[in-house]
Amino acid sequence: MLESLELMPERVKSLIVGLSSQEQATMKEVYENLHTYKNDQEVVAAIRAKSPGLASKLEQFQSWWSEKAAGLGPEARAYFDAMHENAYKIRARFYAGKRPSNAEIKQAALETITKYKALSAAAKADFQKQFPLLTRMLSNDETYKAIQSLN
């Protein structure tokens, strides 16, 4: 965990280590009750109701993340959007109270990596410029093998 934290962009690190114990408890409570929300907007509303400061931090992070995505070229952006859509579909299942199986999560992760590997060299370089840690994980053969070996 420490090595991963050191590799993270400062904005990500600040968000993670900057959460108070109360904010962490709020995140845990919302996550544990994820199945009771219908969509991301309800999750945001629940967080805002419990902790306006945490909601503000998360909104600032989301804005930064969106700016990074906006900096991608067309091929890398299409990949990013597809990856985001797949993540949303998994979250939507949680919201519906239907936790995806480990096999489904594994398959989604493997597809994400396979699609990354199919990008052109230029798109990979573009993606790497905006999301270096994520690129490191997506391009790491050991990560792919570890996910493949999961049951």
C-alpha atoms as a PDB file:
ATOM      1  CA  MET A   1       0.000   0.000   0.000  1.00  0.00           C
ATOM      2  CA  LEU A   2       2.782   2.428   0.882  1.00  0.00           C
ATOM      3  CA  GLU A   3       4.506   1.924  -2.485  1.00  0.00           C
ATOM      4  CA  SER A   4       1.218   2.506  -4.312  1.00  0.00           C
ATOM      5  CA  LEU A   5       0.580   5.639  -2.277  1.00  0.00           C
ATOM      6  CA  GLU A   6       4.014   7.004  -3.163  1.00  0.00           C
ATOM      7  CA  LEU A   7       3.310   6.487  -6.872  1.00  0.00           C
ATOM      8  CA  MET A   8      -0.065   8.212  -6.799  1.00  0.00           C
ATOM      9  CA  PRO A   9      -0.578  11.737  -8.078  1.00  0.00           C
ATOM     10  CA  GLU A  10      -0.553  14.318  -5.312  1.00  0.00           C
ATOM     11  CA  ARG A  11      -4.299  15.008  -5.741  1.00  0.00           C
ATOM     12  CA  VAL A  12      -5.165  11.343  -5.175  1.00  0.00           C
ATOM     13  CA  LYS A  13      -2.805  11.059  -2.211  1.00  0.00           C
ATOM     14  CA  SER A  14      -4.198  14.232  -0.659  1.00  0.00           C
ATOM     15  CA  LEU A  15      -7.730  12.938  -0.938  1.00  0.00           C
ATOM     16  CA  ILE A  16      -6.912   9.554   0.581  1.00  0.00           C
ATOM     17  CA  VAL A  17      -4.694  10.681   3.443  1.00  0.00           C
ATOM     18  CA  GLY A  18      -6.632  13.906   3.998  1.00  0.00           C
ATOM     19  CA  LEU A  19      -9.881  12.263   5.033  1.00  0.00           C
ATOM     20  CA  SER A  20     -10.744  12.711   8.682  1.00  0.00           C
ATOM     21  CA  SER A  21     -11.825   9.698  10.701  1.00  0.00           C
ATOM     22  CA  GLN A  22     -15.413  10.992  10.491  1.00  0.00           C
ATOM     23  CA  GLU A  23     -15.164  11.310   6.698  1.00  0.00           C
ATOM     24  CA  GLN A  24     -13.751   7.793   6.493  1.00  0.00           C
ATOM     25  CA  ALA A  25     -16.653   6.567   8.612  1.00  0.00           C
ATOM     26  CA  THR A  26     -19.100   8.341   6.296  1.00  0.00           C
ATOM     27  CA  MET A  27     -17.505   6.720   3.248  1.00  0.00           C
ATOM     28  CA  LYS A  28     -17.671   3.316   4.940  1.00  0.00           C
ATOM     29  CA  GLU A  29     -21.317   3.791   5.900  1.00  0.00           C
ATOM     30  CA  VAL A  30     -22.316   4.881   2.402  1.00  0.00           C
ATOM     31  CA  TYR A  31     -20.354   2.014   0.830  1.00  0.00           C
ATOM     32  CA  GLU A  32     -21.942  -0.540   3.161  1.00  0.00           C
ATOM     33  CA  ASN A  33     -25.366   0.755   2.130  1.00  0.00           C
ATOM     34  CA  LEU A  34     -24.556   1.135  -1.563  1.00  0.00           C
ATOM     35  CA  HIS A  35     -27.363  -1.235  -2.498  1.00  0.00           C
ATOM     36  CA  THR A  36     -29.918   1.234  -1.111  1.00  0.00           C
ATOM     37  CA  TYR A  37     -29.042   3.913  -3.688  1.00  0.00           C
ATOM     38  CA  LYS A  38     -30.362   3.908  -7.240  1.00  0.00           C
ATOM     39  CA  ASN A  39     -27.487   5.792  -8.876  1.00  0.00           C
ATOM     40  CA  ASP A  40     -24.381   7.920  -8.371  1.00  0.00           C
ATOM     41  CA  GLN A  41     -26.470  11.043  -7.784  1.00  0.00           C
ATOM     42  CA  GLU A  42     -28.166   9.444  -4.774  1.00  0.00           C
ATOM     43  CA  VAL A  43     -24.774   8.428  -3.404  1.00  0.00           C
ATOM     44  CA  VAL A  44     -23.520  12.001  -3.763  1.00  0.00           C
ATOM     45  CA  ALA A  45     -26.674  13.324  -2.081  1.00  0.00           C
ATOM     46  CA  ALA A  46     -26.228  10.901   0.824  1.00  0.00           C
ATOM     47  CA  ILE A  47     -22.608  11.939   1.272  1.00  0.00           C
ATOM     48  CA  ARG A  48     -23.546  15.622   1.063  1.00  0.00           C
ATOM     49  CA  ALA A  49     -26.265  15.154   3.705  1.00  0.00           C
ATOM     50  CA  LYS A  50     -23.865  13.403   6.072  1.00  0.00           C
ATOM     51  CA  SER A  51     -20.737  15.454   5.370  1.00  0.00           C
ATOM     52  CA  PRO A  52     -20.841  18.557   3.154  1.00  0.00           C
ATOM     53  CA  GLY A  53     -17.061  18.913   3.520  1.00  0.00           C
ATOM     54  CA  LEU A  54     -16.468  15.391   2.254  1.00  0.00           C
ATOM     55  CA  ALA A  55     -18.869  16.002  -0.632  1.00  0.00           C
ATOM     56  CA  SER A  56     -16.875  19.099  -1.554  1.00  0.00           C
ATOM     57  CA  LYS A  57     -13.600  17.152  -1.495  1.00  0.00           C
ATOM     58  CA  LEU A  58     -15.081  14.445  -3.695  1.00  0.00           C
ATOM     59  CA  GLU A  59     -16.516  17.002  -6.134  1.00  0.00           C
ATOM     60  CA  GLN A  60     -13.122  18.699  -6.415  1.00  0.00           C
ATOM     61  CA  PHE A  61     -11.505  15.339  -7.061  1.00  0.00           C
ATOM     62  CA  GLN A  62     -14.129  14.456  -9.684  1.00  0.00           C
ATOM     63  CA  SER A  63     -13.547  17.795 -11.397  1.00  0.00           C
ATOM     64  CA  TRP A  64      -9.787  17.144 -11.504  1.00  0.00           C
ATOM     65  CA  TRP A  65     -10.366  13.608 -12.819  1.00  0.00           C
ATOM     66  CA  SER A  66     -12.695  14.939 -15.536  1.00  0.00           C
ATOM     67  CA  GLU A  67     -10.094  17.525 -16.553  1.00  0.00           C
ATOM     68  CA  LYS A  68      -7.523  14.744 -16.911  1.00  0.00           C
ATOM     69  CA  ALA A  69      -9.928  12.770 -19.107  1.00  0.00           C
ATOM     70  CA  ALA A  70     -10.650  15.874 -21.194  1.00  0.00           C
ATOM     71  CA  GLY A  71      -6.925  16.063 -21.970  1.00  0.00           C
ATOM     72  CA  LEU A  72      -6.987  12.716 -23.772  1.00  0.00           C
ATOM     73  CA  GLY A  73      -6.945  12.372 -27.547  1.00  0.00           C
ATOM     74  CA  PRO A  74      -9.857  10.650 -29.331  1.00  0.00           C
ATOM     75  CA  GLU A  75      -8.629   7.036 -29.143  1.00  0.00           C
ATOM     76  CA  ALA A  76      -7.480   7.242 -25.524  1.00  0.00           C
ATOM     77  CA  ARG A  77     -10.671   9.119 -24.591  1.00  0.00           C
ATOM     78  CA  ALA A  78     -12.856   6.446 -26.188  1.00  0.00           C
ATOM     79  CA  TYR A  79     -10.991   3.831 -24.137  1.00  0.00           C
ATOM     80  CA  PHE A  80     -11.352   5.925 -20.955  1.00  0.00           C
ATOM     81  CA  ASP A  81     -15.085   6.405 -21.572  1.00  0.00           C
ATOM     82  CA  ALA A  82     -15.596   2.660 -22.142  1.00  0.00           C
ATOM     83  CA  MET A  83     -13.646   1.867 -18.965  1.00  0.00           C
ATOM     84  CA  HIS A  84     -15.730   4.395 -17.025  1.00  0.00           C
ATOM     85  CA  GLU A  85     -18.966   2.952 -18.453  1.00  0.00           C
ATOM     86  CA  ASN A  86     -17.975  -0.581 -17.408  1.00  0.00           C
ATOM     87  CA  ALA A  87     -17.201   0.644 -13.898  1.00  0.00           C
ATOM     88  CA  TYR A  88     -20.579   2.379 -13.804  1.00  0.00           C
ATOM     89  CA  LYS A  89     -22.353  -0.834 -14.838  1.00  0.00           C
ATOM     90  CA  ILE A  90     -20.685  -2.675 -11.965  1.00  0.00           C
ATOM     91  CA  ARG A  91     -21.651   0.101  -9.527  1.00  0.00           C
ATOM     92  CA  ALA A  92     -25.208   0.019 -10.883  1.00  0.00           C
ATOM     93  CA  ARG A  93     -25.444  -3.664  -9.995  1.00  0.00           C
ATOM     94  CA  PHE A  94     -24.376  -2.826  -6.435  1.00  0.00           C
ATOM     95  CA  TYR A  95     -27.014  -0.083  -6.335  1.00  0.00           C
ATOM     96  CA  ALA A  96     -29.611  -2.637  -7.389  1.00  0.00           C
ATOM     97  CA  GLY A  97     -28.531  -4.911  -4.541  1.00  0.00           C
ATOM     98  CA  LYS A  98     -27.116  -7.459  -6.994  1.00  0.00           C
ATOM     99  CA  ARG A  99     -23.443  -7.761  -6.205  1.00  0.00           C
ATOM    100  CA  PRO A 100     -21.519  -8.941  -9.276  1.00  0.00           C
ATOM    101  CA  SER A 101     -19.815 -12.290  -8.848  1.00  0.00           C
ATOM    102  CA  ASN A 102     -16.055 -12.485  -8.501  1.00  0.00           C
ATOM    103  CA  ALA A 103     -15.985 -14.069 -11.967  1.00  0.00           C
ATOM    104  CA  GLU A 104     -17.834 -11.077 -13.448  1.00  0.00           C
ATOM    105  CA  ILE A 105     -15.494  -8.601 -11.779  1.00  0.00           C
ATOM    106  CA  LYS A 106     -12.493 -10.642 -12.919  1.00  0.00           C
ATOM    107  CA  GLN A 107     -13.820 -10.713 -16.494  1.00  0.00           C
ATOM    108  CA  ALA A 108     -14.385  -6.944 -16.488  1.00  0.00           C
ATOM    109  CA  ALA A 109     -10.836  -6.337 -15.228  1.00  0.00           C
ATOM    110  CA  LEU A 110      -9.322  -8.638 -17.849  1.00  0.00           C
ATOM    111  CA  GLU A 111     -11.342  -6.974 -20.621  1.00  0.00           C
ATOM    112  CA  THR A 112     -10.194  -3.545 -19.446  1.00  0.00           C
ATOM    113  CA  ILE A 113      -6.553  -4.631 -19.627  1.00  0.00           C
ATOM    114  CA  THR A 114      -7.011  -6.385 -22.981  1.00  0.00           C
ATOM    115  CA  LYS A 115      -8.616  -3.285 -24.484  1.00  0.00           C
ATOM    116  CA  TYR A 116      -5.777  -1.145 -23.123  1.00  0.00           C
ATOM    117  CA  LYS A 117      -3.209  -3.442 -24.729  1.00  0.00           C
ATOM    118  CA  ALA A 118      -5.056  -3.116 -28.066  1.00  0.00           C
ATOM    119  CA  LEU A 119      -4.629   0.682 -28.116  1.00  0.00           C
ATOM    120  CA  SER A 120      -2.177   2.221 -30.547  1.00  0.00           C
ATOM    121  CA  ALA A 121       1.212   3.285 -29.182  1.00  0.00           C
ATOM    122  CA  ALA A 122       0.151   6.933 -29.500  1.00  0.00           C
ATOM    123  CA  ALA A 123      -3.055   6.361 -27.508  1.00  0.00           C
ATOM    124  CA  LYS A 124      -1.133   4.464 -24.822  1.00  0.00           C
ATOM    125  CA  ALA A 125       1.353   7.348 -24.552  1.00  0.00           C
ATOM    126  CA  ASP A 126      -1.539   9.812 -24.361  1.00  0.00           C
ATOM    127  CA  PHE A 127      -3.245   7.784 -21.633  1.00  0.00           C
ATOM    128  CA  GLN A 128       0.042   7.392 -19.751  1.00  0.00           C
ATOM    129  CA  LYS A 129       0.573  11.156 -19.727  1.00  0.00           C
ATOM    130  CA  GLN A 130      -2.761  11.738 -17.984  1.00  0.00           C
ATOM    131  CA  PHE A 131      -2.978   8.568 -15.854  1.00  0.00           C
ATOM    132  CA  PRO A 132       0.541   7.240 -15.154  1.00  0.00           C
ATOM    133  CA  LEU A 133      -0.302   4.946 -12.224  1.00  0.00           C
ATOM    134  CA  LEU A 134      -3.345   3.494 -13.929  1.00  0.00           C
ATOM    135  CA  THR A 135      -1.240   2.935 -17.058  1.00  0.00           C
ATOM    136  CA  ARG A 136       1.394   1.177 -14.989  1.00  0.00           C
ATOM    137  CA  MET A 137      -1.221  -1.218 -13.645  1.00  0.00           C
ATOM    138  CA  LEU A 138      -2.877  -1.788 -17.035  1.00  0.00           C
ATOM    139  CA  SER A 139       0.404  -2.496 -18.802  1.00  0.00           C
ATOM    140  CA  ASN A 140       1.886  -4.741 -16.113  1.00  0.00           C
ATOM    141  CA  ASP A 141       1.936  -8.390 -17.191  1.00  0.00           C
ATOM    142  CA  GLU A 142       2.160  -9.509 -13.561  1.00  0.00           C
ATOM    143  CA  THR A 143      -1.076  -7.672 -12.775  1.00  0.00           C
ATOM    144  CA  TYR A 144      -2.783  -9.401 -15.705  1.00  0.00           C
ATOM    145  CA  LYS A 145      -1.503 -12.825 -14.612  1.00  0.00           C
ATOM    146  CA  ALA A 146      -2.568 -12.196 -11.012  1.00  0.00           C
ATOM    147  CA  ILE A 147      -6.094 -11.291 -12.132  1.00  0.00           C
ATOM    148  CA  GLN A 148      -6.224 -14.343 -14.424  1.00  0.00           C
ATOM    149  CA  SER A 149      -5.349 -16.608 -11.504  1.00  0.00           C
ATOM    150  CA  LEU A 150      -8.199 -15.337  -9.310  1.00  0.00           C
ATOM    151  CA  ASN A 151     -11.094 -17.714  -8.671  1.00  0.00           C
END
